Amino acid sequence: MSAIDLSKVLDKAWEDKPLADVLAAPVAALKGVTDRDGELLQEAFGVKTVADLGQLKYARWAAALVALNTTTK
């Protein structure tokens, strides 16, 4: 598994937090996700935290389909 640049995926306030704190954080801790996005994710899928989003079966299914894609863009 390769390293991830947390500054590219997390809001600045969350970059130096322990992983457990990031996983328990609201999804708005992810760069580009707003508080309103978080509200909508909670309404639609019951997603409250970064961990919830990562474990969301629909997101996992979509990621698996992308991984299976052998065509180039």
C-alpha atoms as a PDB file:
ATOM      1  CA  MET A   1       0.000   0.000   0.000  1.00  0.00           C
ATOM      2  CA  SER A   2       1.376   3.421  -0.863  1.00  0.00           C
ATOM      3  CA  ALA A   3       1.556   6.429   1.437  1.00  0.00           C
ATOM      4  CA  ILE A   4      -1.076   9.122   1.279  1.00  0.00           C
ATOM      5  CA  ASP A   5      -0.453  12.851   1.466  1.00  0.00           C
ATOM      6  CA  LEU A   6      -2.966  13.846   4.151  1.00  0.00           C
ATOM      7  CA  SER A   7      -2.790  17.506   3.106  1.00  0.00           C
ATOM      8  CA  LYS A   8      -4.442  16.478  -0.163  1.00  0.00           C
ATOM      9  CA  VAL A   9      -7.360  14.651   1.432  1.00  0.00           C
ATOM     10  CA  LEU A  10      -8.019  16.404   4.745  1.00  0.00           C
ATOM     11  CA  ASP A  11      -8.887  19.942   5.721  1.00  0.00           C
ATOM     12  CA  LYS A  12      -5.907  21.689   7.299  1.00  0.00           C
ATOM     13  CA  ALA A  13      -7.333  21.396  10.828  1.00  0.00           C
ATOM     14  CA  TRP A  14      -7.301  17.600  10.555  1.00  0.00           C
ATOM     15  CA  GLU A  15      -3.927  16.971   8.862  1.00  0.00           C
ATOM     16  CA  ASP A  16      -1.988  16.393  12.106  1.00  0.00           C
ATOM     17  CA  LYS A  17      -4.684  14.530  14.026  1.00  0.00           C
ATOM     18  CA  PRO A  18      -4.326  10.855  14.940  1.00  0.00           C
ATOM     19  CA  LEU A  19      -5.996   8.458  12.536  1.00  0.00           C
ATOM     20  CA  ALA A  20      -8.570   7.422  15.141  1.00  0.00           C
ATOM     21  CA  ASP A  21      -9.656  11.061  15.476  1.00  0.00           C
ATOM     22  CA  VAL A  22      -9.877  11.509  11.703  1.00  0.00           C
ATOM     23  CA  LEU A  23     -11.997   8.381  11.308  1.00  0.00           C
ATOM     24  CA  ALA A  24     -14.360   9.621  14.034  1.00  0.00           C
ATOM     25  CA  ALA A  25     -14.516  13.114  12.504  1.00  0.00           C
ATOM     26  CA  PRO A  26     -17.466  14.446  10.541  1.00  0.00           C
ATOM     27  CA  VAL A  27     -17.142  13.878   6.792  1.00  0.00           C
ATOM     28  CA  ALA A  28     -16.534  17.616   6.403  1.00  0.00           C
ATOM     29  CA  ALA A  29     -12.999  16.885   7.671  1.00  0.00           C
ATOM     30  CA  LEU A  30     -12.341  15.640   4.131  1.00  0.00           C
ATOM     31  CA  LYS A  31     -11.046  18.311   1.787  1.00  0.00           C
ATOM     32  CA  GLY A  32     -13.836  19.587  -0.447  1.00  0.00           C
ATOM     33  CA  VAL A  33     -16.692  18.156   1.638  1.00  0.00           C
ATOM     34  CA  THR A  34     -18.870  20.848   3.175  1.00  0.00           C
ATOM     35  CA  ASP A  35     -20.975  20.709   6.304  1.00  0.00           C
ATOM     36  CA  ARG A  36     -24.031  20.685   4.029  1.00  0.00           C
ATOM     37  CA  ASP A  37     -22.603  17.729   2.094  1.00  0.00           C
ATOM     38  CA  GLY A  38     -22.251  15.961   5.439  1.00  0.00           C
ATOM     39  CA  GLU A  39     -25.869  16.705   6.306  1.00  0.00           C
ATOM     40  CA  LEU A  40     -27.017  15.299   2.978  1.00  0.00           C
ATOM     41  CA  LEU A  41     -24.903  12.162   3.394  1.00  0.00           C
ATOM     42  CA  GLN A  42     -26.422  11.649   6.829  1.00  0.00           C
ATOM     43  CA  GLU A  43     -29.958  12.126   5.498  1.00  0.00           C
ATOM     44  CA  ALA A  44     -29.448   9.830   2.521  1.00  0.00           C
ATOM     45  CA  PHE A  45     -27.229   7.099   3.954  1.00  0.00           C
ATOM     46  CA  GLY A  46     -26.857   7.629   7.702  1.00  0.00           C
ATOM     47  CA  VAL A  47     -23.212   8.616   7.217  1.00  0.00           C
ATOM     48  CA  LYS A  48     -21.920  10.774  10.087  1.00  0.00           C
ATOM     49  CA  THR A  49     -18.162  10.160  10.156  1.00  0.00           C
ATOM     50  CA  VAL A  50     -15.232   9.625   7.825  1.00  0.00           C
ATOM     51  CA  ALA A  51     -15.268   5.946   8.865  1.00  0.00           C
ATOM     52  CA  ASP A  52     -18.979   5.672   8.036  1.00  0.00           C
ATOM     53  CA  LEU A  53     -18.294   7.013   4.556  1.00  0.00           C
ATOM     54  CA  GLY A  54     -15.378   4.638   4.041  1.00  0.00           C
ATOM     55  CA  GLN A  55     -17.536   1.697   5.071  1.00  0.00           C
ATOM     56  CA  LEU A  56     -20.576   2.741   3.034  1.00  0.00           C
ATOM     57  CA  LYS A  57     -21.356  -0.245   0.858  1.00  0.00           C
ATOM     58  CA  TYR A  58     -22.258   1.912  -2.137  1.00  0.00           C
ATOM     59  CA  ALA A  59     -18.929   3.735  -2.005  1.00  0.00           C
ATOM     60  CA  ARG A  60     -17.104   0.406  -1.672  1.00  0.00           C
ATOM     61  CA  TRP A  61     -19.019  -1.071  -4.598  1.00  0.00           C
ATOM     62  CA  ALA A  62     -18.211   1.961  -6.755  1.00  0.00           C
ATOM     63  CA  ALA A  63     -14.515   1.799  -5.778  1.00  0.00           C
ATOM     64  CA  ALA A  64     -14.436  -1.909  -6.685  1.00  0.00           C
ATOM     65  CA  LEU A  65     -15.967  -1.194 -10.095  1.00  0.00           C
ATOM     66  CA  VAL A  66     -13.407   1.538 -10.728  1.00  0.00           C
ATOM     67  CA  ALA A  67     -10.605  -0.864  -9.754  1.00  0.00           C
ATOM     68  CA  LEU A  68     -11.949  -3.424 -12.202  1.00  0.00           C
ATOM     69  CA  ASN A  69     -11.982  -0.933 -15.051  1.00  0.00           C
ATOM     70  CA  THR A  70      -9.140  -1.738 -17.409  1.00  0.00           C
ATOM     71  CA  THR A  71      -9.895   0.980 -19.933  1.00  0.00           C
ATOM     72  CA  THR A  72      -7.909   4.186 -19.975  1.00  0.00           C
ATOM     73  CA  LYS A  73      -9.357   7.648 -20.107  1.00  0.00           C
END
